[in-house]
Amino acid sequence: MVPYYGIVIEQSLADPAFAGTLDVAVRRQDPNGSWVFLLVRIAPERLTDELERIRQAIVREEPWYAHFFSGDDLAVVFADVIFRMTTDRASWQPAIEHGLALGIPRKQLDFWPRTGAQLEEMLGVSLADLG
């Protein structure tokens, strides 16, 4: 089965040690800032449980989210709610509205990357090499 891949920003976690409980395939410093991007893999049969664990681990005092994708499926995880939708932008409105209400700038609610090719471009890795 094809795993779900997602980006979790290390600074979004209330306890940085939580990252050690995730299947982190790649850790990259943002070249344009101070964020650390974690490429996380989740097996499809573990998706619901893992998304819930991540939801509970996200800092509540600041507006953060993580997102995961596999094929056409997209999941966006905020500290208070998880949205399940597709990679089709037409399905994103509830998640975008929620993010805007939290104070996240619209330009950050693009849920990018959302394909393997975009992920490879962002992190400079080949998903095939990750195993």
C-alpha atoms as a PDB file:
ATOM      1  CA  MET A   1       0.000   0.000   0.000  1.00  0.00           C
ATOM      2  CA  VAL A   2       1.158   3.510  -0.792  1.00  0.00           C
ATOM      3  CA  PRO A   3       1.815   5.499   2.403  1.00  0.00           C
ATOM      4  CA  TYR A   4       0.484   8.914   3.187  1.00  0.00           C
ATOM      5  CA  TYR A   5       3.188  11.558   3.171  1.00  0.00           C
ATOM      6  CA  GLY A   6       2.950  14.817   4.998  1.00  0.00           C
ATOM      7  CA  ILE A   7       4.759  17.825   6.259  1.00  0.00           C
ATOM      8  CA  VAL A   8       4.866  18.606   9.953  1.00  0.00           C
ATOM      9  CA  ILE A   9       6.708  21.727  11.004  1.00  0.00           C
ATOM     10  CA  GLU A  10       8.784  20.832  14.028  1.00  0.00           C
ATOM     11  CA  GLN A  11       7.987  24.151  15.736  1.00  0.00           C
ATOM     12  CA  SER A  12       4.254  23.324  15.541  1.00  0.00           C
ATOM     13  CA  LEU A  13       4.664  20.522  18.073  1.00  0.00           C
ATOM     14  CA  ALA A  14       4.001  21.347  21.729  1.00  0.00           C
ATOM     15  CA  ASP A  15       6.666  18.788  22.685  1.00  0.00           C
ATOM     16  CA  PRO A  16       9.525  18.534  20.171  1.00  0.00           C
ATOM     17  CA  ALA A  17      10.243  15.007  21.437  1.00  0.00           C
ATOM     18  CA  PHE A  18       6.929  13.930  19.875  1.00  0.00           C
ATOM     19  CA  ALA A  19       8.685  13.976  16.484  1.00  0.00           C
ATOM     20  CA  GLY A  20      10.631  10.937  17.683  1.00  0.00           C
ATOM     21  CA  THR A  21       7.389   8.943  17.783  1.00  0.00           C
ATOM     22  CA  LEU A  22       6.672   9.622  14.098  1.00  0.00           C
ATOM     23  CA  ASP A  23       8.058   7.906  11.015  1.00  0.00           C
ATOM     24  CA  VAL A  24      10.178  10.880   9.914  1.00  0.00           C
ATOM     25  CA  ALA A  25      11.773  10.113   6.548  1.00  0.00           C
ATOM     26  CA  VAL A  26      13.479  13.486   6.035  1.00  0.00           C
ATOM     27  CA  ARG A  27      14.228  16.489   8.234  1.00  0.00           C
ATOM     28  CA  ARG A  28      15.043  19.758   6.430  1.00  0.00           C
ATOM     29  CA  GLN A  29      15.735  23.284   7.653  1.00  0.00           C
ATOM     30  CA  ASP A  30      13.743  25.918   5.756  1.00  0.00           C
ATOM     31  CA  PRO A  31      16.392  27.830   3.752  1.00  0.00           C
ATOM     32  CA  ASN A  32      14.257  30.995   3.986  1.00  0.00           C
ATOM     33  CA  GLY A  33      13.548  30.964   7.709  1.00  0.00           C
ATOM     34  CA  SER A  34      13.707  29.131  10.984  1.00  0.00           C
ATOM     35  CA  TRP A  35      11.170  26.364  10.421  1.00  0.00           C
ATOM     36  CA  VAL A  36      12.217  22.736  10.325  1.00  0.00           C
ATOM     37  CA  PHE A  37      10.182  20.578   7.928  1.00  0.00           C
ATOM     38  CA  LEU A  38       9.604  16.943   8.832  1.00  0.00           C
ATOM     39  CA  LEU A  39       8.564  14.595   6.052  1.00  0.00           C
ATOM     40  CA  VAL A  40       6.366  12.074   7.846  1.00  0.00           C
ATOM     41  CA  ARG A  41       5.111   8.754   6.448  1.00  0.00           C
ATOM     42  CA  ILE A  42       1.933   7.090   7.652  1.00  0.00           C
ATOM     43  CA  ALA A  43       0.711   3.659   6.604  1.00  0.00           C
ATOM     44  CA  PRO A  44      -2.897   3.863   5.336  1.00  0.00           C
ATOM     45  CA  GLU A  45      -4.168   1.460   7.999  1.00  0.00           C
ATOM     46  CA  ARG A  46      -2.711   3.762  10.718  1.00  0.00           C
ATOM     47  CA  LEU A  47      -3.886   7.055   9.210  1.00  0.00           C
ATOM     48  CA  THR A  48      -6.839   7.839  11.483  1.00  0.00           C
ATOM     49  CA  ASP A  49      -4.922   7.075  14.680  1.00  0.00           C
ATOM     50  CA  GLU A  50      -1.782   8.914  13.602  1.00  0.00           C
ATOM     51  CA  LEU A  51      -3.675  12.018  12.465  1.00  0.00           C
ATOM     52  CA  GLU A  52      -5.386  12.124  15.853  1.00  0.00           C
ATOM     53  CA  ARG A  53      -2.055  11.805  17.673  1.00  0.00           C
ATOM     54  CA  ILE A  54      -0.638  14.645  15.585  1.00  0.00           C
ATOM     55  CA  ARG A  55      -3.747  16.762  16.201  1.00  0.00           C
ATOM     56  CA  GLN A  56      -3.259  16.391  19.932  1.00  0.00           C
ATOM     57  CA  ALA A  57       0.461  17.234  19.654  1.00  0.00           C
ATOM     58  CA  ILE A  58       0.053  20.531  17.767  1.00  0.00           C
ATOM     59  CA  VAL A  59       0.578  23.739  19.748  1.00  0.00           C
ATOM     60  CA  ARG A  60      -2.818  25.179  20.667  1.00  0.00           C
ATOM     61  CA  GLU A  61      -1.737  28.749  21.421  1.00  0.00           C
ATOM     62  CA  GLU A  62      -0.642  29.457  17.843  1.00  0.00           C
ATOM     63  CA  PRO A  63      -2.253  28.773  14.458  1.00  0.00           C
ATOM     64  CA  TRP A  64      -0.516  25.690  13.038  1.00  0.00           C
ATOM     65  CA  TYR A  65      -1.529  22.810  10.818  1.00  0.00           C
ATOM     66  CA  ALA A  66      -0.002  19.743   9.213  1.00  0.00           C
ATOM     67  CA  HIS A  67      -1.196  18.071   6.046  1.00  0.00           C
ATOM     68  CA  PHE A  68      -0.917  14.615   4.509  1.00  0.00           C
ATOM     69  CA  PHE A  69      -1.715  13.180   1.100  1.00  0.00           C
ATOM     70  CA  SER A  70      -1.812   9.941  -0.819  1.00  0.00           C
ATOM     71  CA  GLY A  71      -3.087   9.845  -4.373  1.00  0.00           C
ATOM     72  CA  ASP A  72      -6.140  12.117  -4.465  1.00  0.00           C
ATOM     73  CA  ASP A  73      -6.716  12.025  -0.688  1.00  0.00           C
ATOM     74  CA  LEU A  74      -5.734  15.018   1.425  1.00  0.00           C
ATOM     75  CA  ALA A  75      -5.994  15.437   5.192  1.00  0.00           C
ATOM     76  CA  VAL A  76      -5.377  18.719   7.009  1.00  0.00           C
ATOM     77  CA  VAL A  77      -4.742  18.571  10.740  1.00  0.00           C
ATOM     78  CA  PHE A  78      -5.320  21.583  12.975  1.00  0.00           C
ATOM     79  CA  ALA A  79      -5.049  21.409  16.783  1.00  0.00           C
ATOM     80  CA  ASP A  80      -8.837  21.327  17.102  1.00  0.00           C
ATOM     81  CA  VAL A  81     -10.073  19.526  13.993  1.00  0.00           C
ATOM     82  CA  ILE A  82      -9.058  17.245  11.129  1.00  0.00           C
ATOM     83  CA  PHE A  83     -10.388  17.854   7.615  1.00  0.00           C
ATOM     84  CA  ARG A  84     -10.477  14.975   5.123  1.00  0.00           C
ATOM     85  CA  MET A  85     -10.836  16.090   1.509  1.00  0.00           C
ATOM     86  CA  THR A  86      -9.220  15.602  -1.881  1.00  0.00           C
ATOM     87  CA  THR A  87      -6.352  17.278  -3.686  1.00  0.00           C
ATOM     88  CA  ASP A  88      -9.009  19.074  -5.781  1.00  0.00           C
ATOM     89  CA  ARG A  89      -9.055  22.699  -4.599  1.00  0.00           C
ATOM     90  CA  ALA A  90     -12.858  22.725  -4.850  1.00  0.00           C
ATOM     91  CA  SER A  91     -12.994  20.544  -1.705  1.00  0.00           C
ATOM     92  CA  TRP A  92     -10.781  22.794   0.427  1.00  0.00           C
ATOM     93  CA  GLN A  93     -13.110  25.637   1.391  1.00  0.00           C
ATOM     94  CA  PRO A  94     -14.016  24.398   4.905  1.00  0.00           C
ATOM     95  CA  ALA A  95     -10.337  23.880   5.802  1.00  0.00           C
ATOM     96  CA  ILE A  96      -9.343  27.247   4.321  1.00  0.00           C
ATOM     97  CA  GLU A  97     -12.110  29.052   6.213  1.00  0.00           C
ATOM     98  CA  HIS A  98     -11.044  27.344   9.431  1.00  0.00           C
ATOM     99  CA  GLY A  99      -7.406  28.300   8.897  1.00  0.00           C
ATOM    100  CA  LEU A 100      -8.321  31.913   8.128  1.00  0.00           C
ATOM    101  CA  ALA A 101     -10.430  32.060  11.307  1.00  0.00           C
ATOM    102  CA  LEU A 102      -7.351  30.934  13.246  1.00  0.00           C
ATOM    103  CA  GLY A 103      -5.295  33.733  11.693  1.00  0.00           C
ATOM    104  CA  ILE A 104      -3.295  31.719   9.174  1.00  0.00           C
ATOM    105  CA  PRO A 105      -2.563  33.828   6.073  1.00  0.00           C
ATOM    106  CA  ARG A 106      -4.433  32.636   2.965  1.00  0.00           C
ATOM    107  CA  LYS A 107      -1.167  32.145   1.058  1.00  0.00           C
ATOM    108  CA  GLN A 108      -0.115  29.552   3.669  1.00  0.00           C
ATOM    109  CA  LEU A 109      -3.336  27.579   3.171  1.00  0.00           C
ATOM    110  CA  ASP A 110      -2.261  26.143  -0.182  1.00  0.00           C
ATOM    111  CA  PHE A 111      -1.603  22.657   1.285  1.00  0.00           C
ATOM    112  CA  TRP A 112       1.579  22.382  -0.742  1.00  0.00           C
ATOM    113  CA  PRO A 113       3.133  19.964  -1.398  1.00  0.00           C
ATOM    114  CA  ARG A 114       0.262  17.625  -2.222  1.00  0.00           C
ATOM    115  CA  THR A 115       1.847  15.349  -4.815  1.00  0.00           C
ATOM    116  CA  GLY A 116       4.930  13.184  -4.739  1.00  0.00           C
ATOM    117  CA  ALA A 117       6.602  15.347  -7.381  1.00  0.00           C
ATOM    118  CA  GLN A 118       5.986  18.519  -5.351  1.00  0.00           C
ATOM    119  CA  LEU A 119       7.336  16.827  -2.238  1.00  0.00           C
ATOM    120  CA  GLU A 120      10.469  15.734  -4.085  1.00  0.00           C
ATOM    121  CA  GLU A 121      10.907  19.299  -5.377  1.00  0.00           C
ATOM    122  CA  MET A 122      10.442  20.835  -1.933  1.00  0.00           C
ATOM    123  CA  LEU A 123      12.818  18.534  -0.072  1.00  0.00           C
ATOM    124  CA  GLY A 124      15.202  17.546  -2.845  1.00  0.00           C
ATOM    125  CA  VAL A 125      14.638  13.835  -2.298  1.00  0.00           C
ATOM    126  CA  SER A 126      13.310  10.952  -4.325  1.00  0.00           C
ATOM    127  CA  LEU A 127      10.384   9.169  -2.680  1.00  0.00           C
ATOM    128  CA  ALA A 128      11.544   5.963  -4.384  1.00  0.00           C
ATOM    129  CA  ASP A 129      14.831   6.209  -2.451  1.00  0.00           C
ATOM    130  CA  LEU A 130      13.049   6.495   0.888  1.00  0.00           C
ATOM    131  CA  GLY A 131      11.868   2.890   0.765  1.00  0.00           C
END
